Amino acid sequence: MRFIEFKEKLKAFKIFGLTDIRKNDPDFDLRRLNEWQNKNYIRRVRKGWYIFSDLDINEASLFLIANKIYAPSYISLEMGLSQYNLIPEMVYEITCVTSQKTASFKTEVGNFSYRHIKPELMFGYELRRQGDYYYSIAEIEKTLLDYLYLKPKIKENEDFQGMRFNYDEFKERADMKKWEKYLAAFKSKALTARAKKFIKYFNA
């Protein structure tokens, strides 16, 4: 198959895997992928996942890539907090939550990290559109709960202060009934105690 034909068949894909290729051409010669990488027609993100070299690498495309290369997953934790303007720091690694094992990938297009949570805690995220891209990101309430759940050392007032958390923004945008519902779904007494202490600290 010629590259022009290949690209036309997969033009709807921002990132594509071997399964996508096989669906379009069951007899595809995988040696072509190395050839096209050498010619800079395509770029490998990680094993089995590729993008076309002319793909615009921006925040939205990186979030989509993050969802695809290690699924199921969604954007959360530090990157999620940054997206909701809840922390002042710039976040350069795409941080995600997954029901798979914890993993990280350093790639040509960016660095991606994934923290494991139990499958039953894979909720509280939404499919968001930004330009031509769709990606999954935690809701503001779940982003903070994921963070507190996976950072158990954040438990004292000085830890909360050190986060430089934008509570005014959170208070304005978050649905506290949803926050309570999501917190209960974790079924963790330790998290519940820390989360309520966190909210109490900022409401003091």
C-alpha atoms as a PDB file:
ATOM      1  CA  MET A   1       0.000   0.000   0.000  1.00  0.00           C
ATOM      2  CA  ARG A   2       1.256   3.456  -0.882  1.00  0.00           C
ATOM      3  CA  PHE A   3       1.457   6.020   1.909  1.00  0.00           C
ATOM      4  CA  ILE A   4      -1.003   8.385   0.220  1.00  0.00           C
ATOM      5  CA  GLU A   5      -3.595   5.612   0.133  1.00  0.00           C
ATOM      6  CA  PHE A   6      -2.815   4.644   3.725  1.00  0.00           C
ATOM      7  CA  LYS A   7      -3.219   8.211   4.973  1.00  0.00           C
ATOM      8  CA  GLU A   8      -6.490   8.627   3.126  1.00  0.00           C
ATOM      9  CA  LYS A   9      -7.908   5.514   4.781  1.00  0.00           C
ATOM     10  CA  LEU A  10      -6.863   6.659   8.246  1.00  0.00           C
ATOM     11  CA  LYS A  11      -7.365  10.394   7.832  1.00  0.00           C
ATOM     12  CA  ALA A  12     -10.083  10.448  10.492  1.00  0.00           C
ATOM     13  CA  PHE A  13      -7.648   9.139  13.127  1.00  0.00           C
ATOM     14  CA  LYS A  14      -5.591  11.593  15.159  1.00  0.00           C
ATOM     15  CA  ILE A  15      -3.688   8.647  16.584  1.00  0.00           C
ATOM     16  CA  PHE A  16      -3.906   5.101  15.278  1.00  0.00           C
ATOM     17  CA  GLY A  17      -2.884   1.675  16.459  1.00  0.00           C
ATOM     18  CA  LEU A  18      -2.183  -1.657  14.851  1.00  0.00           C
ATOM     19  CA  THR A  19      -5.810  -2.719  15.356  1.00  0.00           C
ATOM     20  CA  ASP A  20      -6.992   0.350  13.396  1.00  0.00           C
ATOM     21  CA  ILE A  21      -4.574  -0.476  10.593  1.00  0.00           C
ATOM     22  CA  ARG A  22      -5.665  -4.116  10.427  1.00  0.00           C
ATOM     23  CA  LYS A  23      -9.333  -3.140  10.310  1.00  0.00           C
ATOM     24  CA  ASN A  24      -8.650  -1.070   7.212  1.00  0.00           C
ATOM     25  CA  ASP A  25      -6.256  -3.529   5.607  1.00  0.00           C
ATOM     26  CA  PRO A  26      -5.998  -7.048   7.079  1.00  0.00           C
ATOM     27  CA  ASP A  27      -3.010  -7.799   4.831  1.00  0.00           C
ATOM     28  CA  PHE A  28      -1.046  -4.658   5.675  1.00  0.00           C
ATOM     29  CA  ASP A  29       2.734  -5.174   5.672  1.00  0.00           C
ATOM     30  CA  LEU A  30       3.961  -3.858   9.034  1.00  0.00           C
ATOM     31  CA  ARG A  31       7.421  -3.249   7.562  1.00  0.00           C
ATOM     32  CA  ARG A  32       5.907  -0.194   5.906  1.00  0.00           C
ATOM     33  CA  LEU A  33       5.609   1.450   9.317  1.00  0.00           C
ATOM     34  CA  ASN A  34       9.383   1.456   9.828  1.00  0.00           C
ATOM     35  CA  GLU A  35       9.893   2.692   6.293  1.00  0.00           C
ATOM     36  CA  TRP A  36       7.451   5.567   6.776  1.00  0.00           C
ATOM     37  CA  GLN A  37       8.983   6.456  10.129  1.00  0.00           C
ATOM     38  CA  ASN A  38      12.387   6.719   8.471  1.00  0.00           C
ATOM     39  CA  LYS A  39      10.883   9.023   5.861  1.00  0.00           C
ATOM     40  CA  ASN A  40       9.214  11.060   8.630  1.00  0.00           C
ATOM     41  CA  TYR A  41       5.733  10.386   7.277  1.00  0.00           C
ATOM     42  CA  ILE A  42       4.596   8.994  10.617  1.00  0.00           C
ATOM     43  CA  ARG A  43       5.870   9.083  14.205  1.00  0.00           C
ATOM     44  CA  ARG A  44       5.684   6.302  16.761  1.00  0.00           C
ATOM     45  CA  VAL A  45       4.341   7.476  20.101  1.00  0.00           C
ATOM     46  CA  ARG A  46       4.820   4.168  21.881  1.00  0.00           C
ATOM     47  CA  LYS A  47       4.795   0.531  20.843  1.00  0.00           C
ATOM     48  CA  GLY A  48       1.827  -0.073  18.576  1.00  0.00           C
ATOM     49  CA  TRP A  49       0.672   3.563  18.422  1.00  0.00           C
ATOM     50  CA  TYR A  50       1.416   6.145  15.723  1.00  0.00           C
ATOM     51  CA  ILE A  51       0.525   9.624  14.560  1.00  0.00           C
ATOM     52  CA  PHE A  52       1.002  11.314  11.213  1.00  0.00           C
ATOM     53  CA  SER A  53       4.005  13.635  11.319  1.00  0.00           C
ATOM     54  CA  ASP A  54       1.920  16.646  10.345  1.00  0.00           C
ATOM     55  CA  LEU A  55      -0.380  16.290  13.356  1.00  0.00           C
ATOM     56  CA  ASP A  56      -0.547  19.527  15.325  1.00  0.00           C
ATOM     57  CA  ILE A  57       0.857  18.734  18.762  1.00  0.00           C
ATOM     58  CA  ASN A  58      -1.056  20.862  21.239  1.00  0.00           C
ATOM     59  CA  GLU A  59      -2.727  20.391  24.589  1.00  0.00           C
ATOM     60  CA  ALA A  60      -5.876  18.799  23.198  1.00  0.00           C
ATOM     61  CA  SER A  61      -4.011  16.374  20.945  1.00  0.00           C
ATOM     62  CA  LEU A  62      -1.729  15.369  23.832  1.00  0.00           C
ATOM     63  CA  PHE A  63      -4.758  14.662  26.013  1.00  0.00           C
ATOM     64  CA  LEU A  64      -6.271  12.502  23.284  1.00  0.00           C
ATOM     65  CA  ILE A  65      -2.972  10.669  22.839  1.00  0.00           C
ATOM     66  CA  ALA A  66      -2.801  10.103  26.595  1.00  0.00           C
ATOM     67  CA  ASN A  67      -6.258   8.492  26.562  1.00  0.00           C
ATOM     68  CA  LYS A  68      -5.413   6.247  23.622  1.00  0.00           C
ATOM     69  CA  ILE A  69      -1.946   4.868  24.360  1.00  0.00           C
ATOM     70  CA  TYR A  70      -2.938   3.460  27.757  1.00  0.00           C
ATOM     71  CA  ALA A  71      -6.625   2.730  28.068  1.00  0.00           C
ATOM     72  CA  PRO A  72      -8.901   3.001  29.887  1.00  0.00           C
ATOM     73  CA  SER A  73      -7.644   6.274  31.302  1.00  0.00           C
ATOM     74  CA  TYR A  74      -8.625   9.891  31.791  1.00  0.00           C
ATOM     75  CA  ILE A  75      -6.814  13.150  32.557  1.00  0.00           C
ATOM     76  CA  SER A  76      -6.685  13.913  36.287  1.00  0.00           C
ATOM     77  CA  LEU A  77      -4.324  14.639  39.203  1.00  0.00           C
ATOM     78  CA  GLU A  78      -1.866  17.528  38.693  1.00  0.00           C
ATOM     79  CA  MET A  79      -2.817  18.127  35.074  1.00  0.00           C
ATOM     80  CA  GLY A  80      -6.481  18.081  35.986  1.00  0.00           C
ATOM     81  CA  LEU A  81      -5.936  20.540  38.847  1.00  0.00           C
ATOM     82  CA  SER A  82      -4.052  22.810  36.468  1.00  0.00           C
ATOM     83  CA  GLN A  83      -6.820  22.623  33.871  1.00  0.00           C
ATOM     84  CA  TYR A  84      -9.328  23.843  36.442  1.00  0.00           C
ATOM     85  CA  ASN A  85      -6.964  26.610  37.597  1.00  0.00           C
ATOM     86  CA  LEU A  86      -6.770  25.057  41.067  1.00  0.00           C
ATOM     87  CA  ILE A  87      -2.969  25.152  41.375  1.00  0.00           C
ATOM     88  CA  PRO A  88      -0.583  27.868  40.157  1.00  0.00           C
ATOM     89  CA  GLU A  89       2.215  25.644  38.879  1.00  0.00           C
ATOM     90  CA  MET A  90       2.699  24.805  35.228  1.00  0.00           C
ATOM     91  CA  VAL A  91       2.354  21.053  34.693  1.00  0.00           C
ATOM     92  CA  TYR A  92       4.455  19.588  31.907  1.00  0.00           C
ATOM     93  CA  GLU A  93       3.652  15.888  32.307  1.00  0.00           C
ATOM     94  CA  ILE A  94       0.248  14.591  31.233  1.00  0.00           C
ATOM     95  CA  THR A  95      -1.045  12.941  34.413  1.00  0.00           C
ATOM     96  CA  CYS A  96      -3.807  10.371  34.194  1.00  0.00           C
ATOM     97  CA  VAL A  97      -5.750   7.819  36.201  1.00  0.00           C
ATOM     98  CA  THR A  98      -6.199   4.276  34.924  1.00  0.00           C
ATOM     99  CA  SER A  99      -7.561   0.922  36.040  1.00  0.00           C
ATOM    100  CA  GLN A 100      -4.437  -0.657  34.567  1.00  0.00           C
ATOM    101  CA  LYS A 101      -1.188  -0.833  36.539  1.00  0.00           C
ATOM    102  CA  THR A 102       0.765   2.354  37.237  1.00  0.00           C
ATOM    103  CA  ALA A 103       2.993   3.269  34.292  1.00  0.00           C
ATOM    104  CA  SER A 104       4.804   6.137  32.606  1.00  0.00           C
ATOM    105  CA  PHE A 105       5.975   6.802  29.073  1.00  0.00           C
ATOM    106  CA  LYS A 106       8.535   9.285  27.790  1.00  0.00           C
ATOM    107  CA  THR A 107       7.831   9.876  24.118  1.00  0.00           C
ATOM    108  CA  GLU A 108       8.835  12.167  21.289  1.00  0.00           C
ATOM    109  CA  VAL A 109       5.655  14.191  21.728  1.00  0.00           C
ATOM    110  CA  GLY A 110       5.495  14.393  25.526  1.00  0.00           C
ATOM    111  CA  ASN A 111       5.671  12.570  28.832  1.00  0.00           C
ATOM    112  CA  PHE A 112       2.675  10.660  30.155  1.00  0.00           C
ATOM    113  CA  SER A 113       2.124   9.165  33.606  1.00  0.00           C
ATOM    114  CA  TYR A 114      -0.690   6.932  34.823  1.00  0.00           C
ATOM    115  CA  ARG A 115      -1.688   6.069  38.385  1.00  0.00           C
ATOM    116  CA  HIS A 116      -3.688   2.960  39.131  1.00  0.00           C
ATOM    117  CA  ILE A 117      -7.045   3.045  40.873  1.00  0.00           C
ATOM    118  CA  LYS A 118      -9.542   0.244  41.340  1.00  0.00           C
ATOM    119  CA  PRO A 119     -11.865  -0.294  38.349  1.00  0.00           C
ATOM    120  CA  GLU A 120     -14.894   0.656  40.442  1.00  0.00           C
ATOM    121  CA  LEU A 121     -13.347   4.112  40.958  1.00  0.00           C
ATOM    122  CA  MET A 122     -13.183   4.814  37.237  1.00  0.00           C
ATOM    123  CA  PHE A 123     -16.047   7.304  37.270  1.00  0.00           C
ATOM    124  CA  GLY A 124     -16.558  11.054  37.460  1.00  0.00           C
ATOM    125  CA  TYR A 125     -15.002  11.964  34.128  1.00  0.00           C
ATOM    126  CA  GLU A 126     -16.423  13.447  30.965  1.00  0.00           C
ATOM    127  CA  LEU A 127     -15.747  13.470  27.248  1.00  0.00           C
ATOM    128  CA  ARG A 128     -14.719  16.995  26.329  1.00  0.00           C
ATOM    129  CA  ARG A 129     -14.314  18.586  22.919  1.00  0.00           C
ATOM    130  CA  GLN A 130     -11.578  21.077  22.120  1.00  0.00           C
ATOM    131  CA  GLY A 131     -11.352  21.969  18.448  1.00  0.00           C
ATOM    132  CA  ASP A 132     -11.187  18.730  16.471  1.00  0.00           C
ATOM    133  CA  TYR A 133     -10.260  16.655  19.495  1.00  0.00           C
ATOM    134  CA  TYR A 134     -12.267  14.677  22.035  1.00  0.00           C
ATOM    135  CA  TYR A 135     -10.649  13.479  25.241  1.00  0.00           C
ATOM    136  CA  SER A 136     -11.665  12.196  28.673  1.00  0.00           C
ATOM    137  CA  ILE A 137     -10.936  14.333  31.719  1.00  0.00           C
ATOM    138  CA  ALA A 138     -12.041  14.094  35.336  1.00  0.00           C
ATOM    139  CA  GLU A 139     -14.725  16.474  36.522  1.00  0.00           C
ATOM    140  CA  ILE A 140     -13.475  19.114  38.944  1.00  0.00           C
ATOM    141  CA  GLU A 141     -14.831  17.246  41.975  1.00  0.00           C
ATOM    142  CA  LYS A 142     -13.267  13.928  40.956  1.00  0.00           C
ATOM    143  CA  THR A 143      -9.947  15.542  40.014  1.00  0.00           C
ATOM    144  CA  LEU A 144      -9.412  16.728  43.572  1.00  0.00           C
ATOM    145  CA  LEU A 145     -10.616  13.450  45.092  1.00  0.00           C
ATOM    146  CA  ASP A 146      -8.321  11.417  42.825  1.00  0.00           C
ATOM    147  CA  TYR A 147      -5.446  13.633  43.902  1.00  0.00           C
ATOM    148  CA  LEU A 148      -6.149  13.301  47.623  1.00  0.00           C
ATOM    149  CA  TYR A 149      -6.785   9.566  47.301  1.00  0.00           C
ATOM    150  CA  LEU A 150      -3.477   8.926  45.540  1.00  0.00           C
ATOM    151  CA  LYS A 151      -1.498  11.362  47.708  1.00  0.00           C
ATOM    152  CA  PRO A 152      -2.208  10.024  51.215  1.00  0.00           C
ATOM    153  CA  LYS A 153       0.704  11.989  52.699  1.00  0.00           C
ATOM    154  CA  ILE A 154      -1.275  15.178  52.101  1.00  0.00           C
ATOM    155  CA  LYS A 155      -3.151  15.133  55.372  1.00  0.00           C
ATOM    156  CA  GLU A 156      -2.127  18.053  57.593  1.00  0.00           C
ATOM    157  CA  ASN A 157      -2.920  21.764  57.384  1.00  0.00           C
ATOM    158  CA  GLU A 158       0.654  22.591  56.348  1.00  0.00           C
ATOM    159  CA  ASP A 159       0.300  20.096  53.478  1.00  0.00           C
ATOM    160  CA  PHE A 160      -2.903  21.789  52.337  1.00  0.00           C
ATOM    161  CA  GLN A 161      -1.240  25.188  52.563  1.00  0.00           C
ATOM    162  CA  GLY A 162       1.721  23.920  50.538  1.00  0.00           C
ATOM    163  CA  MET A 163      -0.573  23.001  47.646  1.00  0.00           C
ATOM    164  CA  ARG A 164      -1.422  26.698  47.137  1.00  0.00           C
ATOM    165  CA  PHE A 165      -4.861  25.426  46.214  1.00  0.00           C
ATOM    166  CA  ASN A 166      -7.264  27.929  44.639  1.00  0.00           C
ATOM    167  CA  TYR A 167     -10.233  27.195  46.870  1.00  0.00           C
ATOM    168  CA  ASP A 168     -12.233  30.200  45.657  1.00  0.00           C
ATOM    169  CA  GLU A 169     -12.178  28.749  42.151  1.00  0.00           C
ATOM    170  CA  PHE A 170     -13.130  25.315  43.421  1.00  0.00           C
ATOM    171  CA  LYS A 171     -15.960  26.679  45.573  1.00  0.00           C
ATOM    172  CA  GLU A 172     -17.362  28.621  42.626  1.00  0.00           C
ATOM    173  CA  ARG A 173     -17.239  25.762  40.134  1.00  0.00           C
ATOM    174  CA  ALA A 174     -17.691  22.574  42.153  1.00  0.00           C
ATOM    175  CA  ASP A 175     -20.989  20.905  42.998  1.00  0.00           C
ATOM    176  CA  MET A 176     -20.558  19.978  46.665  1.00  0.00           C
ATOM    177  CA  LYS A 177     -23.429  17.486  46.574  1.00  0.00           C
ATOM    178  CA  LYS A 178     -21.613  15.693  43.772  1.00  0.00           C
ATOM    179  CA  TRP A 179     -18.368  15.968  45.760  1.00  0.00           C
ATOM    180  CA  GLU A 180     -20.028  14.224  48.730  1.00  0.00           C
ATOM    181  CA  LYS A 181     -21.518  11.550  46.476  1.00  0.00           C
ATOM    182  CA  TYR A 182     -18.180  10.845  44.814  1.00  0.00           C
ATOM    183  CA  LEU A 183     -16.370  10.851  48.165  1.00  0.00           C
ATOM    184  CA  ALA A 184     -18.801   8.266  49.548  1.00  0.00           C
ATOM    185  CA  ALA A 185     -18.229   6.076  46.475  1.00  0.00           C
ATOM    186  CA  PHE A 186     -14.561   5.676  47.410  1.00  0.00           C
ATOM    187  CA  LYS A 187     -15.669   3.832  50.563  1.00  0.00           C
ATOM    188  CA  SER A 188     -12.518   4.955  52.354  1.00  0.00           C
ATOM    189  CA  LYS A 189     -12.741   6.257  55.914  1.00  0.00           C
ATOM    190  CA  ALA A 190      -9.186   7.597  55.680  1.00  0.00           C
ATOM    191  CA  LEU A 191      -9.921   9.551  52.501  1.00  0.00           C
ATOM    192  CA  THR A 192     -13.207  10.842  53.890  1.00  0.00           C
ATOM    193  CA  ALA A 193     -11.458  12.166  57.002  1.00  0.00           C
ATOM    194  CA  ARG A 194      -8.691  13.861  54.996  1.00  0.00           C
ATOM    195  CA  ALA A 195     -11.046  15.279  52.377  1.00  0.00           C
ATOM    196  CA  LYS A 196     -13.344  16.811  54.965  1.00  0.00           C
ATOM    197  CA  LYS A 197     -10.348  18.186  56.850  1.00  0.00           C
ATOM    198  CA  PHE A 198      -9.144  19.691  53.574  1.00  0.00           C
ATOM    199  CA  ILE A 199     -12.447  21.485  52.954  1.00  0.00           C
ATOM    200  CA  LYS A 200     -12.658  22.610  56.582  1.00  0.00           C
ATOM    201  CA  TYR A 201      -9.158  24.105  56.358  1.00  0.00           C
ATOM    202  CA  PHE A 202     -10.083  26.315  53.424  1.00  0.00           C
ATOM    203  CA  ASN A 203     -13.433  27.277  54.909  1.00  0.00           C
ATOM    204  CA  ALA A 204     -11.864  28.372  58.186  1.00  0.00           C
END
